[in-house]
Amino acid sequence: MQLTTTFPIPAAPVLMNHRSKVLTMGSCFSASMGARLSLLPLEVKTQPFGTLFHPFAITRALSGSVSEEVYEQNGYFLHPDYHSVFTATTADELLDDVRSVGAEVSNFIADTDFLLLTWGTSFSYFDKYLNESVANCHKMPADRFEKRLSSVDEIVENFSSLLSTLPSTTHVVLTVSPVRHTKDGMLENQVSKSTLRLAADIVSKRFENVHYFPAFEIMLDELRDYRFYEADLIHPNEQAQAYIWERFKAPYFDTELLSISKKWDSIYRTLGHRPHPAKLMDHRRVLEVLLAELNEEKYQEIDTCKIAEYVAHEIKNTYI
């Protein structure tokens, strides 16, 4: 008996392997995927500029140019182009922080294999005082902003300009966030997501190194039930995120990375186990065997540093 509507996802023309370098940017879906990728022996940078919802905001962040305009709020300074993870007590400190991260990202992306981007909304806010669109209003007075819906053509043109600045070897995995922006209104959200989906379809067909991953369709069609949502009935819950992750690995991981992912999952489950005090010695021996295995010759070409550090830390905890 089939209890859900499924659909095939074609294999990506270029697959991730254990040496791949990945940058994720965009909405909270990119954060979720980046966190899972970071557990594997990949070089991953996740959401370096914080959560960004609009395609233009992502392009501006990746452009490397930082506007001097900042917002001041109760003695703190925030940047209209970035998330509130960038907060400082002086404008200079804020701009220095943003430029520093920008320089790190610029160096990282110079030889990045995969850029995972998630578009969240087609709506942007135009700051009438600054005379430009901003990524984050930071709860500034509402009357200084004008809400605007970007068109498909505008998003395609903006993305095309971004693509021209990326290394030709970088493959872009483009997704549309399955999270509904209910604050925009349900009808408006549908228009917004439809705009993003059309733009994503155009660029994925126009450029050979751009590939669309259907996270949006998986959530709406395969996981068409509120049991896959958090209590807010908007965000996908852990079960849904894990399901989408499994759907992502199949077409994007090579055979070796799939095998590593399966093994690593087993190790992380063991690390998550909290044994009864009477079984602590047995648990420690299991962890010591795992650590020894990770240092075996068969793993010499794989970066096991991250997971080995987790195992060593848990072994140390068993002595407390």
C-alpha atoms as a PDB file:
ATOM      1  CA  MET A   1       0.000   0.000   0.000  1.00  0.00           C
ATOM      2  CA  GLN A   2       1.363   3.408  -1.005  1.00  0.00           C
ATOM      3  CA  LEU A   3       0.468   6.117   1.513  1.00  0.00           C
ATOM      4  CA  THR A   4       2.169   9.115  -0.072  1.00  0.00           C
ATOM      5  CA  THR A   5       2.655  10.655  -3.499  1.00  0.00           C
ATOM      6  CA  THR A   6       6.281  10.195  -4.525  1.00  0.00           C
ATOM      7  CA  PHE A   7       8.228  11.220  -7.586  1.00  0.00           C
ATOM      8  CA  PRO A   8      11.704  10.455  -8.948  1.00  0.00           C
ATOM      9  CA  ILE A   9      14.575  12.901  -8.561  1.00  0.00           C
ATOM     10  CA  PRO A  10      17.162  12.512 -11.337  1.00  0.00           C
ATOM     11  CA  ALA A  11      20.792  12.009 -10.334  1.00  0.00           C
ATOM     12  CA  ALA A  12      22.870  15.169 -10.426  1.00  0.00           C
ATOM     13  CA  PRO A  13      25.368  15.332 -13.303  1.00  0.00           C
ATOM     14  CA  VAL A  14      28.167  16.003 -10.782  1.00  0.00           C
ATOM     15  CA  LEU A  15      28.099  14.216  -7.432  1.00  0.00           C
ATOM     16  CA  MET A  16      29.443  15.237  -4.043  1.00  0.00           C
ATOM     17  CA  ASN A  17      32.297  13.160  -2.671  1.00  0.00           C
ATOM     18  CA  HIS A  18      34.118  13.160   0.655  1.00  0.00           C
ATOM     19  CA  ARG A  19      36.529  15.833  -0.614  1.00  0.00           C
ATOM     20  CA  SER A  20      33.827  18.266  -1.742  1.00  0.00           C
ATOM     21  CA  LYS A  21      33.751  21.846  -0.534  1.00  0.00           C
ATOM     22  CA  VAL A  22      30.256  23.206   0.106  1.00  0.00           C
ATOM     23  CA  LEU A  23      28.824  26.624   0.940  1.00  0.00           C
ATOM     24  CA  THR A  24      25.186  26.931   2.020  1.00  0.00           C
ATOM     25  CA  MET A  25      23.275  30.210   2.058  1.00  0.00           C
ATOM     26  CA  GLY A  26      19.695  31.407   2.211  1.00  0.00           C
ATOM     27  CA  SER A  27      16.729  30.588   4.405  1.00  0.00           C
ATOM     28  CA  CYS A  28      16.608  28.264   7.415  1.00  0.00           C
ATOM     29  CA  PHE A  29      16.369  25.244   5.079  1.00  0.00           C
ATOM     30  CA  SER A  30      19.975  25.912   4.018  1.00  0.00           C
ATOM     31  CA  ALA A  31      20.908  26.013   7.696  1.00  0.00           C
ATOM     32  CA  SER A  32      19.320  22.591   8.241  1.00  0.00           C
ATOM     33  CA  MET A  33      21.061  21.061   5.227  1.00  0.00           C
ATOM     34  CA  GLY A  34      24.360  22.707   6.117  1.00  0.00           C
ATOM     35  CA  ALA A  35      24.249  21.344   9.656  1.00  0.00           C
ATOM     36  CA  ARG A  36      23.792  17.802   8.319  1.00  0.00           C
ATOM     37  CA  LEU A  37      26.501  18.202   5.687  1.00  0.00           C
ATOM     38  CA  SER A  38      28.866  19.495   8.375  1.00  0.00           C
ATOM     39  CA  LEU A  39      28.681  16.153  10.197  1.00  0.00           C
ATOM     40  CA  LEU A  40      30.278  14.432   7.201  1.00  0.00           C
ATOM     41  CA  PRO A  41      33.930  14.564   6.074  1.00  0.00           C
ATOM     42  CA  LEU A  42      33.248  17.563   3.848  1.00  0.00           C
ATOM     43  CA  GLU A  43      34.570  21.103   4.062  1.00  0.00           C
ATOM     44  CA  VAL A  44      31.397  23.081   4.762  1.00  0.00           C
ATOM     45  CA  LYS A  45      30.620  26.708   5.517  1.00  0.00           C
ATOM     46  CA  THR A  46      27.007  27.162   6.622  1.00  0.00           C
ATOM     47  CA  GLN A  47      25.054  30.417   6.586  1.00  0.00           C
ATOM     48  CA  PRO A  48      28.069  32.705   7.129  1.00  0.00           C
ATOM     49  CA  PHE A  49      25.861  35.803   6.802  1.00  0.00           C
ATOM     50  CA  GLY A  50      22.968  34.411   8.811  1.00  0.00           C
ATOM     51  CA  THR A  51      19.496  33.743   7.447  1.00  0.00           C
ATOM     52  CA  LEU A  52      18.712  35.534   4.181  1.00  0.00           C
ATOM     53  CA  PHE A  53      15.350  35.081   2.489  1.00  0.00           C
ATOM     54  CA  HIS A  54      15.345  37.080  -0.737  1.00  0.00           C
ATOM     55  CA  PRO A  55      17.491  36.171  -3.790  1.00  0.00           C
ATOM     56  CA  PHE A  56      18.773  39.746  -4.034  1.00  0.00           C
ATOM     57  CA  ALA A  57      19.980  39.610  -0.414  1.00  0.00           C
ATOM     58  CA  ILE A  58      21.992  36.471  -1.142  1.00  0.00           C
ATOM     59  CA  THR A  59      23.551  38.054  -4.235  1.00  0.00           C
ATOM     60  CA  ARG A  60      24.505  41.206  -2.319  1.00  0.00           C
ATOM     61  CA  ALA A  61      26.085  39.144   0.451  1.00  0.00           C
ATOM     62  CA  LEU A  62      28.146  37.151  -2.040  1.00  0.00           C
ATOM     63  CA  SER A  63      29.160  40.226  -4.028  1.00  0.00           C
ATOM     64  CA  GLY A  64      31.754  41.262  -1.446  1.00  0.00           C
ATOM     65  CA  SER A  65      30.701  44.923  -1.447  1.00  0.00           C
ATOM     66  CA  VAL A  66      29.475  46.192   1.926  1.00  0.00           C
ATOM     67  CA  SER A  67      27.240  49.244   2.176  1.00  0.00           C
ATOM     68  CA  GLU A  68      28.291  51.853   4.751  1.00  0.00           C
ATOM     69  CA  GLU A  69      24.656  52.366   5.759  1.00  0.00           C
ATOM     70  CA  VAL A  70      23.712  50.938   9.157  1.00  0.00           C
ATOM     71  CA  TYR A  71      20.756  51.039  11.532  1.00  0.00           C
ATOM     72  CA  GLU A  72      21.048  52.149  15.141  1.00  0.00           C
ATOM     73  CA  GLN A  73      18.666  50.627  17.652  1.00  0.00           C
ATOM     74  CA  ASN A  74      18.897  51.250  21.405  1.00  0.00           C
ATOM     75  CA  GLY A  75      22.638  51.710  21.327  1.00  0.00           C
ATOM     76  CA  TYR A  76      23.297  48.780  19.000  1.00  0.00           C
ATOM     77  CA  PHE A  77      24.165  48.842  15.320  1.00  0.00           C
ATOM     78  CA  LEU A  78      22.793  46.429  12.704  1.00  0.00           C
ATOM     79  CA  HIS A  79      23.290  46.190   8.973  1.00  0.00           C
ATOM     80  CA  PRO A  80      20.275  46.353   6.627  1.00  0.00           C
ATOM     81  CA  ASP A  81      21.826  43.769   4.282  1.00  0.00           C
ATOM     82  CA  TYR A  82      22.449  41.094   6.911  1.00  0.00           C
ATOM     83  CA  HIS A  83      20.861  39.089   9.689  1.00  0.00           C
ATOM     84  CA  SER A  84      20.962  40.298  13.300  1.00  0.00           C
ATOM     85  CA  VAL A  85      23.789  37.833  14.061  1.00  0.00           C
ATOM     86  CA  PHE A  86      25.828  40.876  13.077  1.00  0.00           C
ATOM     87  CA  THR A  87      25.307  43.265  15.980  1.00  0.00           C
ATOM     88  CA  ALA A  88      27.828  45.690  17.465  1.00  0.00           C
ATOM     89  CA  THR A  89      28.014  48.679  19.785  1.00  0.00           C
ATOM     90  CA  THR A  90      29.664  50.873  17.122  1.00  0.00           C
ATOM     91  CA  ALA A  91      29.107  51.235  13.398  1.00  0.00           C
ATOM     92  CA  ASP A  92      32.813  50.679  12.661  1.00  0.00           C
ATOM     93  CA  GLU A  93      32.873  47.441  14.640  1.00  0.00           C
ATOM     94  CA  LEU A  94      29.791  46.205  12.796  1.00  0.00           C
ATOM     95  CA  LEU A  95      31.248  47.016   9.378  1.00  0.00           C
ATOM     96  CA  ASP A  96      34.553  45.396  10.313  1.00  0.00           C
ATOM     97  CA  ASP A  97      32.729  42.199  11.341  1.00  0.00           C
ATOM     98  CA  VAL A  98      30.766  42.057   8.092  1.00  0.00           C
ATOM     99  CA  ARG A  99      33.852  42.734   5.960  1.00  0.00           C
ATOM    100  CA  SER A 100      35.818  40.079   7.835  1.00  0.00           C
ATOM    101  CA  VAL A 101      33.179  37.410   7.175  1.00  0.00           C
ATOM    102  CA  GLY A 102      32.872  38.628   3.592  1.00  0.00           C
ATOM    103  CA  ALA A 103      36.602  38.138   3.055  1.00  0.00           C
ATOM    104  CA  GLU A 104      36.425  34.613   4.506  1.00  0.00           C
ATOM    105  CA  VAL A 105      33.531  33.723   2.218  1.00  0.00           C
ATOM    106  CA  SER A 106      35.278  35.212  -0.804  1.00  0.00           C
ATOM    107  CA  ASN A 107      38.340  33.043  -0.149  1.00  0.00           C
ATOM    108  CA  PHE A 108      36.191  29.989   0.519  1.00  0.00           C
ATOM    109  CA  ILE A 109      34.099  30.306  -2.619  1.00  0.00           C
ATOM    110  CA  ALA A 110      37.142  30.663  -4.866  1.00  0.00           C
ATOM    111  CA  ASP A 111      37.363  26.867  -5.028  1.00  0.00           C
ATOM    112  CA  THR A 112      33.962  25.786  -3.740  1.00  0.00           C
ATOM    113  CA  ASP A 113      32.534  22.739  -5.488  1.00  0.00           C
ATOM    114  CA  PHE A 114      28.887  23.206  -4.497  1.00  0.00           C
ATOM    115  CA  LEU A 115      26.889  26.283  -3.569  1.00  0.00           C
ATOM    116  CA  LEU A 116      23.586  25.318  -1.952  1.00  0.00           C
ATOM    117  CA  LEU A 117      21.147  28.252  -2.140  1.00  0.00           C
ATOM    118  CA  THR A 118      17.633  28.407  -0.740  1.00  0.00           C
ATOM    119  CA  TRP A 119      15.290  31.169  -1.805  1.00  0.00           C
ATOM    120  CA  GLY A 120      12.611  31.962   0.764  1.00  0.00           C
ATOM    121  CA  THR A 121      10.499  34.820  -0.566  1.00  0.00           C
ATOM    122  CA  SER A 122       9.993  37.092  -3.564  1.00  0.00           C
ATOM    123  CA  PHE A 123       9.005  39.984  -1.296  1.00  0.00           C
ATOM    124  CA  SER A 124      11.610  42.557  -0.374  1.00  0.00           C
ATOM    125  CA  TYR A 125      11.453  45.793   1.592  1.00  0.00           C
ATOM    126  CA  PHE A 126      12.524  49.068   0.039  1.00  0.00           C
ATOM    127  CA  ASP A 127      13.960  51.544   2.528  1.00  0.00           C
ATOM    128  CA  LYS A 128      12.701  54.947   1.390  1.00  0.00           C
ATOM    129  CA  TYR A 129      15.340  56.755   3.470  1.00  0.00           C
ATOM    130  CA  LEU A 130      18.247  54.751   2.067  1.00  0.00           C
ATOM    131  CA  ASN A 131      16.605  54.544  -1.379  1.00  0.00           C
ATOM    132  CA  GLU A 132      17.418  50.832  -1.710  1.00  0.00           C
ATOM    133  CA  SER A 133      16.048  47.382  -0.960  1.00  0.00           C
ATOM    134  CA  VAL A 134      17.242  45.810   2.276  1.00  0.00           C
ATOM    135  CA  ALA A 135      17.533  42.241   3.497  1.00  0.00           C
ATOM    136  CA  ASN A 136      16.422  42.952   7.054  1.00  0.00           C
ATOM    137  CA  CYS A 137      14.308  45.747   8.499  1.00  0.00           C
ATOM    138  CA  HIS A 138      15.563  45.025  12.032  1.00  0.00           C
ATOM    139  CA  LYS A 139      12.247  46.271  13.460  1.00  0.00           C
ATOM    140  CA  MET A 140      12.883  49.826  12.333  1.00  0.00           C
ATOM    141  CA  PRO A 141       9.755  52.045  11.950  1.00  0.00           C
ATOM    142  CA  ALA A 142       7.420  50.481   9.387  1.00  0.00           C
ATOM    143  CA  ASP A 143       6.691  53.780   7.626  1.00  0.00           C
ATOM    144  CA  ARG A 144      10.224  53.969   6.231  1.00  0.00           C
ATOM    145  CA  PHE A 145       9.708  50.782   4.180  1.00  0.00           C
ATOM    146  CA  GLU A 146       7.739  49.856   1.103  1.00  0.00           C
ATOM    147  CA  LYS A 147       7.003  46.176   0.481  1.00  0.00           C
ATOM    148  CA  ARG A 148       7.721  45.079  -3.087  1.00  0.00           C
ATOM    149  CA  LEU A 149       7.232  41.839  -4.999  1.00  0.00           C
ATOM    150  CA  SER A 150      10.147  41.029  -7.312  1.00  0.00           C
ATOM    151  CA  SER A 151       9.280  39.682 -10.727  1.00  0.00           C
ATOM    152  CA  VAL A 152      10.494  36.442 -12.275  1.00  0.00           C
ATOM    153  CA  ASP A 153      12.582  38.384 -14.793  1.00  0.00           C
ATOM    154  CA  GLU A 154      14.209  40.486 -12.055  1.00  0.00           C
ATOM    155  CA  ILE A 155      15.167  37.400 -10.051  1.00  0.00           C
ATOM    156  CA  VAL A 156      16.516  35.605 -13.123  1.00  0.00           C
ATOM    157  CA  GLU A 157      18.576  38.638 -14.142  1.00  0.00           C
ATOM    158  CA  ASN A 158      19.921  39.080 -10.613  1.00  0.00           C
ATOM    159  CA  PHE A 159      20.851  35.398 -10.331  1.00  0.00           C
ATOM    160  CA  SER A 160      22.533  35.469 -13.732  1.00  0.00           C
ATOM    161  CA  SER A 161      24.724  38.349 -12.594  1.00  0.00           C
ATOM    162  CA  LEU A 162      25.686  36.347  -9.491  1.00  0.00           C
ATOM    163  CA  LEU A 163      26.524  33.271 -11.535  1.00  0.00           C
ATOM    164  CA  SER A 164      28.892  35.265 -13.734  1.00  0.00           C
ATOM    165  CA  THR A 165      31.041  36.020 -10.655  1.00  0.00           C
ATOM    166  CA  LEU A 166      31.336  32.393  -9.495  1.00  0.00           C
ATOM    167  CA  PRO A 167      34.083  29.977 -10.563  1.00  0.00           C
ATOM    168  CA  SER A 168      33.040  27.977 -13.612  1.00  0.00           C
ATOM    169  CA  THR A 169      33.656  24.770 -11.639  1.00  0.00           C
ATOM    170  CA  THR A 170      31.115  25.655  -8.942  1.00  0.00           C
ATOM    171  CA  HIS A 171      27.809  23.824  -9.164  1.00  0.00           C
ATOM    172  CA  VAL A 172      24.784  25.609  -7.721  1.00  0.00           C
ATOM    173  CA  VAL A 173      22.101  23.504  -6.065  1.00  0.00           C
ATOM    174  CA  LEU A 174      19.056  25.751  -5.987  1.00  0.00           C
ATOM    175  CA  THR A 175      16.038  25.149  -3.751  1.00  0.00           C
ATOM    176  CA  VAL A 176      12.857  26.980  -2.835  1.00  0.00           C
ATOM    177  CA  SER A 177      12.134  26.947   0.872  1.00  0.00           C
ATOM    178  CA  PRO A 178       9.110  24.831   1.836  1.00  0.00           C
ATOM    179  CA  VAL A 179       8.461  27.169   4.791  1.00  0.00           C
ATOM    180  CA  ARG A 180       5.352  29.290   4.201  1.00  0.00           C
ATOM    181  CA  HIS A 181       5.714  33.005   4.951  1.00  0.00           C
ATOM    182  CA  THR A 182       2.305  33.357   6.587  1.00  0.00           C
ATOM    183  CA  LYS A 183       3.015  36.922   7.718  1.00  0.00           C
ATOM    184  CA  ASP A 184       2.859  37.930   4.067  1.00  0.00           C
ATOM    185  CA  GLY A 185      -0.622  36.383   3.887  1.00  0.00           C
ATOM    186  CA  MET A 186      -1.504  32.949   2.540  1.00  0.00           C
ATOM    187  CA  LEU A 187      -2.498  34.207  -0.901  1.00  0.00           C
ATOM    188  CA  GLU A 188       0.559  36.429  -1.123  1.00  0.00           C
ATOM    189  CA  ASN A 189       2.789  33.556  -0.017  1.00  0.00           C
ATOM    190  CA  GLN A 190       1.549  31.431  -2.907  1.00  0.00           C
ATOM    191  CA  VAL A 191       2.346  34.196  -5.380  1.00  0.00           C
ATOM    192  CA  SER A 192       5.772  34.656  -3.793  1.00  0.00           C
ATOM    193  CA  LYS A 193       6.680  30.957  -3.887  1.00  0.00           C
ATOM    194  CA  SER A 194       5.333  30.598  -7.430  1.00  0.00           C
ATOM    195  CA  THR A 195       7.564  33.455  -8.545  1.00  0.00           C
ATOM    196  CA  LEU A 196      10.605  31.815  -6.992  1.00  0.00           C
ATOM    197  CA  ARG A 197       9.737  28.443  -8.478  1.00  0.00           C
ATOM    198  CA  LEU A 198       9.372  29.873 -11.986  1.00  0.00           C
ATOM    199  CA  ALA A 199      12.668  31.743 -11.687  1.00  0.00           C
ATOM    200  CA  ALA A 200      14.408  28.604 -10.392  1.00  0.00           C
ATOM    201  CA  ASP A 201      13.035  26.597 -13.315  1.00  0.00           C
ATOM    202  CA  ILE A 202      14.336  29.120 -15.837  1.00  0.00           C
ATOM    203  CA  VAL A 203      17.874  29.374 -14.453  1.00  0.00           C
ATOM    204  CA  SER A 204      18.222  25.610 -13.909  1.00  0.00           C
ATOM    205  CA  LYS A 205      17.395  25.063 -17.582  1.00  0.00           C
ATOM    206  CA  ARG A 206      19.476  27.971 -18.826  1.00  0.00           C
ATOM    207  CA  PHE A 207      22.730  27.150 -17.022  1.00  0.00           C
ATOM    208  CA  GLU A 208      24.392  23.719 -17.052  1.00  0.00           C
ATOM    209  CA  ASN A 209      25.946  24.161 -13.602  1.00  0.00           C
ATOM    210  CA  VAL A 210      22.649  25.064 -11.883  1.00  0.00           C
ATOM    211  CA  HIS A 211      20.516  22.226 -10.561  1.00  0.00           C
ATOM    212  CA  TYR A 212      17.136  22.431  -8.876  1.00  0.00           C
ATOM    213  CA  PHE A 213      16.462  20.239  -5.833  1.00  0.00           C
ATOM    214  CA  PRO A 214      12.696  19.896  -5.146  1.00  0.00           C
ATOM    215  CA  ALA A 215      12.571  20.412  -1.366  1.00  0.00           C
ATOM    216  CA  PHE A 216       9.459  22.545  -1.891  1.00  0.00           C
ATOM    217  CA  GLU A 217       7.661  19.778  -3.809  1.00  0.00           C
ATOM    218  CA  ILE A 218       8.757  17.044  -1.394  1.00  0.00           C
ATOM    219  CA  MET A 219       7.257  18.931   1.535  1.00  0.00           C
ATOM    220  CA  LEU A 220       4.020  19.794  -0.243  1.00  0.00           C
ATOM    221  CA  ASP A 221       3.432  16.479  -2.035  1.00  0.00           C
ATOM    222  CA  GLU A 222       5.272  13.663  -0.307  1.00  0.00           C
ATOM    223  CA  LEU A 223       4.858  15.037   3.227  1.00  0.00           C
ATOM    224  CA  ARG A 224       1.357  16.423   2.812  1.00  0.00           C
ATOM    225  CA  ASP A 225       0.338  16.148   6.461  1.00  0.00           C
ATOM    226  CA  TYR A 226       0.614  18.411   9.508  1.00  0.00           C
ATOM    227  CA  ARG A 227       2.333  15.656  11.485  1.00  0.00           C
ATOM    228  CA  PHE A 228       5.457  16.643   9.563  1.00  0.00           C
ATOM    229  CA  TYR A 229       5.353  20.214  10.891  1.00  0.00           C
ATOM    230  CA  GLU A 230       6.468  21.909  14.071  1.00  0.00           C
ATOM    231  CA  ALA A 231       3.854  23.199  16.519  1.00  0.00           C
ATOM    232  CA  ASP A 232       3.689  26.487  14.573  1.00  0.00           C
ATOM    233  CA  LEU A 233       2.331  24.484  11.589  1.00  0.00           C
ATOM    234  CA  ILE A 234       4.780  26.339   9.345  1.00  0.00           C
ATOM    235  CA  HIS A 235       8.246  24.859   9.754  1.00  0.00           C
ATOM    236  CA  PRO A 236       9.100  21.248   8.819  1.00  0.00           C
ATOM    237  CA  ASN A 237       9.842  19.205  11.926  1.00  0.00           C
ATOM    238  CA  GLU A 238      12.853  16.967  12.507  1.00  0.00           C
ATOM    239  CA  GLN A 239      11.174  13.977  10.875  1.00  0.00           C
ATOM    240  CA  ALA A 240      10.441  15.988   7.724  1.00  0.00           C
ATOM    241  CA  GLN A 241      13.951  17.446   7.613  1.00  0.00           C
ATOM    242  CA  ALA A 242      15.452  13.967   7.985  1.00  0.00           C
ATOM    243  CA  TYR A 243      13.231  12.661   5.173  1.00  0.00           C
ATOM    244  CA  ILE A 244      14.207  15.506   2.826  1.00  0.00           C
ATOM    245  CA  TRP A 245      17.847  14.930   3.739  1.00  0.00           C
ATOM    246  CA  GLU A 246      17.580  11.286   2.684  1.00  0.00           C
ATOM    247  CA  ARG A 247      15.922  12.363  -0.576  1.00  0.00           C
ATOM    248  CA  PHE A 248      18.803  14.811  -1.132  1.00  0.00           C
ATOM    249  CA  LYS A 249      21.600  12.299  -0.549  1.00  0.00           C
ATOM    250  CA  ALA A 250      20.393   9.769  -3.105  1.00  0.00           C
ATOM    251  CA  PRO A 251      20.820  11.972  -6.220  1.00  0.00           C
ATOM    252  CA  TYR A 252      23.722  14.137  -4.963  1.00  0.00           C
ATOM    253  CA  PHE A 253      26.143  11.810  -3.101  1.00  0.00           C
ATOM    254  CA  ASP A 254      28.526   9.455  -4.837  1.00  0.00           C
ATOM    255  CA  THR A 255      28.599   5.797  -3.739  1.00  0.00           C
ATOM    256  CA  GLU A 256      31.495   6.270  -1.324  1.00  0.00           C
ATOM    257  CA  LEU A 257      29.952   9.293   0.382  1.00  0.00           C
ATOM    258  CA  LEU A 258      26.650   7.436   0.747  1.00  0.00           C
ATOM    259  CA  SER A 259      28.529   4.605   2.434  1.00  0.00           C
ATOM    260  CA  ILE A 260      30.361   7.023   4.724  1.00  0.00           C
ATOM    261  CA  SER A 261      27.100   8.766   5.599  1.00  0.00           C
ATOM    262  CA  LYS A 262      25.509   5.452   6.599  1.00  0.00           C
ATOM    263  CA  LYS A 263      28.499   4.540   8.786  1.00  0.00           C
ATOM    264  CA  TRP A 264      28.696   8.018  10.333  1.00  0.00           C
ATOM    265  CA  ASP A 265      24.960   7.928  11.145  1.00  0.00           C
ATOM    266  CA  SER A 266      25.520   4.716  13.087  1.00  0.00           C
ATOM    267  CA  ILE A 267      28.405   6.284  15.007  1.00  0.00           C
ATOM    268  CA  TYR A 268      26.420   9.412  15.869  1.00  0.00           C
ATOM    269  CA  ARG A 269      23.576   7.239  17.152  1.00  0.00           C
ATOM    270  CA  THR A 270      26.060   5.453  19.389  1.00  0.00           C
ATOM    271  CA  LEU A 271      27.406   8.812  20.588  1.00  0.00           C
ATOM    272  CA  GLY A 272      23.868   9.880  21.417  1.00  0.00           C
ATOM    273  CA  HIS A 273      23.315   6.828  23.625  1.00  0.00           C
ATOM    274  CA  ARG A 274      23.300   7.487  27.367  1.00  0.00           C
ATOM    275  CA  PRO A 275      24.101   4.194  29.109  1.00  0.00           C
ATOM    276  CA  HIS A 276      23.054   3.112  32.570  1.00  0.00           C
ATOM    277  CA  PRO A 277      25.904   3.753  35.049  1.00  0.00           C
ATOM    278  CA  ALA A 278      26.304  -0.018  35.440  1.00  0.00           C
ATOM    279  CA  LYS A 279      26.977  -0.279  31.682  1.00  0.00           C
ATOM    280  CA  LEU A 280      29.368   2.678  31.467  1.00  0.00           C
ATOM    281  CA  MET A 281      32.497   0.539  31.073  1.00  0.00           C
ATOM    282  CA  ASP A 282      30.910  -1.439  28.239  1.00  0.00           C
ATOM    283  CA  HIS A 283      29.910   1.805  26.508  1.00  0.00           C
ATOM    284  CA  ARG A 284      33.440   3.168  26.881  1.00  0.00           C
ATOM    285  CA  ARG A 285      34.894   0.050  25.255  1.00  0.00           C
ATOM    286  CA  VAL A 286      32.493   0.438  22.322  1.00  0.00           C
ATOM    287  CA  LEU A 287      33.628   4.043  21.858  1.00  0.00           C
ATOM    288  CA  GLU A 288      37.289   3.080  22.072  1.00  0.00           C
ATOM    289  CA  VAL A 289      36.761   0.477  19.351  1.00  0.00           C
ATOM    290  CA  LEU A 290      35.054   3.117  17.184  1.00  0.00           C
ATOM    291  CA  LEU A 291      37.924   5.560  17.675  1.00  0.00           C
ATOM    292  CA  ALA A 292      40.487   2.895  16.799  1.00  0.00           C
ATOM    293  CA  GLU A 293      38.510   2.019  13.680  1.00  0.00           C
ATOM    294  CA  LEU A 294      38.430   5.646  12.559  1.00  0.00           C
ATOM    295  CA  ASN A 295      42.232   5.673  12.753  1.00  0.00           C
ATOM    296  CA  GLU A 296      42.585   2.563  10.604  1.00  0.00           C
ATOM    297  CA  GLU A 297      44.322   2.694   7.245  1.00  0.00           C
ATOM    298  CA  LYS A 298      41.077   2.335   5.282  1.00  0.00           C
ATOM    299  CA  TYR A 299      40.051   5.797   6.512  1.00  0.00           C
ATOM    300  CA  GLN A 300      43.403   7.497   5.860  1.00  0.00           C
ATOM    301  CA  GLU A 301      42.112   9.289   2.755  1.00  0.00           C
ATOM    302  CA  ILE A 302      38.963  10.466   4.525  1.00  0.00           C
ATOM    303  CA  ASP A 303      38.884  13.411   6.905  1.00  0.00           C
ATOM    304  CA  THR A 304      37.763  11.744  10.133  1.00  0.00           C
ATOM    305  CA  CYS A 305      38.909  14.605  12.381  1.00  0.00           C
ATOM    306  CA  LYS A 306      35.435  15.942  13.202  1.00  0.00           C
ATOM    307  CA  ILE A 307      33.812  12.646  14.095  1.00  0.00           C
ATOM    308  CA  ALA A 308      36.936  11.313  15.853  1.00  0.00           C
ATOM    309  CA  GLU A 309      36.930  14.440  18.017  1.00  0.00           C
ATOM    310  CA  TYR A 310      33.304  13.749  18.985  1.00  0.00           C
ATOM    311  CA  VAL A 311      34.150  10.151  19.899  1.00  0.00           C
ATOM    312  CA  ALA A 312      37.229  11.150  21.914  1.00  0.00           C
ATOM    313  CA  HIS A 313      35.155  13.734  23.782  1.00  0.00           C
ATOM    314  CA  GLU A 314      32.542  11.128  24.686  1.00  0.00           C
ATOM    315  CA  ILE A 315      35.226   8.704  25.856  1.00  0.00           C
ATOM    316  CA  LYS A 316      36.574  11.431  28.119  1.00  0.00           C
ATOM    317  CA  ASN A 317      33.073  11.982  29.512  1.00  0.00           C
ATOM    318  CA  THR A 318      32.824   8.344  30.553  1.00  0.00           C
ATOM    319  CA  TYR A 319      35.626   8.984  33.072  1.00  0.00           C
ATOM    320  CA  ILE A 320      33.675  11.727  34.838  1.00  0.00           C
END
